Amino acid sequence: MILTIAEGYLGEIGYRFMREHWACGFAYEAVSAVIEHCRSTLHLKRLSATIDNENVQSKKLIERLGFTLVAVLPESNLMGRVADVAYYSRMV
């Protein structure tokens, strides 16, 4: 999923996988393809990602894909629930 925040410049990337598909390599492959699509087709300049700070596997994945941690905001709204949220960003 790509939400365009600032048309032609900034997009937010998001993903969800069913538990039985965790740690199978699908997320890396899928997110890599989405990043390439953002670069080559949408011509975005920057992507951001918002991750539950306790989701260590997702944070490792996004860091492996070149995202940098920008901030951790305590007690933030994360899809209708309160959680500490890690905000990541990368140039496309």
Protein backbone atom coordinates (compact mmCIF):
# COMPACT_ATOMS: atom_id res chain seq x y z
CA MET A 1 0.00 0.00 0.00
CA ILE A 2 1.28 3.46 -0.84
CA LEU A 3 -0.44 6.54 0.51
CA THR A 4 0.62 9.69 -1.31
CA ILE A 5 1.10 12.44 1.23
CA ALA A 6 2.59 15.12 -1.03
CA GLU A 7 1.87 14.40 -4.67
CA GLY A 8 5.01 13.78 -6.68
CA TYR A 9 7.25 13.91 -3.63
CA LEU A 10 6.33 11.94 -0.50
CA GLY A 11 4.55 8.61 -0.03
CA GLU A 12 3.92 6.41 2.99
CA ILE A 13 4.46 2.69 2.59
CA GLY A 14 2.56 0.09 4.58
CA TYR A 15 2.15 -3.68 4.57
CA ARG A 16 0.43 -6.48 6.47
CA PHE A 17 0.92 -10.21 6.18
CA MET A 18 -0.98 -13.05 7.79
CA ARG A 19 1.00 -14.61 10.63
CA GLU A 20 1.58 -17.87 8.73
CA HIS A 21 3.50 -15.89 6.09
CA TRP A 22 5.83 -14.10 8.51
CA ALA A 23 9.58 -14.77 8.12
CA CYS A 24 9.13 -16.31 4.64
CA GLY A 25 10.80 -13.49 2.69
CA PHE A 26 7.55 -12.27 1.13
CA ALA A 27 7.66 -8.86 2.81
CA TYR A 28 11.19 -8.10 1.61
CA GLU A 29 10.32 -9.07 -1.96
CA ALA A 30 7.01 -7.18 -1.97
CA VAL A 31 8.28 -4.00 -0.32
CA SER A 32 11.34 -3.94 -2.60
CA ALA A 33 9.00 -4.04 -5.61
CA VAL A 34 6.81 -1.27 -4.18
CA ILE A 35 9.88 0.93 -3.59
CA GLU A 36 10.96 0.40 -7.19
CA HIS A 37 7.43 1.25 -8.39
CA CYS A 38 7.51 4.45 -6.32
CA ARG A 39 10.81 5.40 -7.94
CA SER A 40 10.23 4.41 -11.56
CA THR A 41 6.49 4.96 -12.06
CA LEU A 42 5.29 7.37 -9.39
CA HIS A 43 8.56 9.37 -9.37
CA LEU A 44 8.35 9.92 -5.62
CA LYS A 45 11.39 11.36 -3.89
CA ARG A 46 10.89 10.09 -0.34
CA LEU A 47 9.01 7.30 1.44
CA SER A 48 8.03 7.06 5.07
CA ALA A 49 6.91 4.09 7.17
CA THR A 50 5.13 3.97 10.53
CA ILE A 51 5.76 0.84 12.62
CA ASP A 52 4.72 -0.33 16.07
CA ASN A 53 7.93 0.14 18.06
CA GLU A 54 7.56 -3.35 19.53
CA ASN A 55 7.49 -4.98 16.07
CA VAL A 56 11.20 -5.80 15.93
CA GLN A 57 10.99 -7.95 12.79
CA SER A 58 9.25 -5.22 10.79
CA LYS A 59 11.76 -2.62 11.97
CA LYS A 60 14.65 -4.89 10.91
CA LEU A 61 13.03 -5.38 7.50
CA ILE A 62 12.48 -1.70 6.84
CA GLU A 63 16.03 -0.87 7.96
CA ARG A 64 17.40 -3.57 5.63
CA LEU A 65 15.52 -1.81 2.83
CA GLY A 66 17.38 1.44 3.48
CA PHE A 67 14.96 3.27 5.77
CA THR A 68 16.36 5.32 8.65
CA LEU A 69 14.68 5.77 12.02
CA VAL A 70 13.56 9.39 12.34
CA ALA A 71 11.73 9.34 15.68
CA VAL A 72 9.88 7.20 18.20
CA LEU A 73 6.72 8.84 19.47
CA PRO A 74 5.30 7.40 22.69
CA GLU A 75 1.63 6.64 23.02
CA SER A 76 0.63 7.55 19.46
CA ASN A 77 -2.40 6.57 17.41
CA LEU A 78 -1.53 3.47 15.38
CA MET A 79 -4.53 2.30 13.35
CA GLY A 80 -6.98 3.11 16.12
CA ARG A 81 -4.93 1.86 19.06
CA VAL A 82 -2.36 3.47 21.32
CA ALA A 83 1.23 2.32 20.85
CA ASP A 84 4.76 3.67 20.76
CA VAL A 85 5.33 4.37 17.06
CA ALA A 86 8.62 4.31 15.17
CA TYR A 87 8.74 6.64 12.14
CA TYR A 88 11.14 5.73 9.33
CA SER A 89 12.09 7.55 6.14
CA ARG A 90 14.25 7.02 3.03
CA MET A 91 14.99 8.69 -0.27
CA VAL A 92 13.63 6.73 -3.23
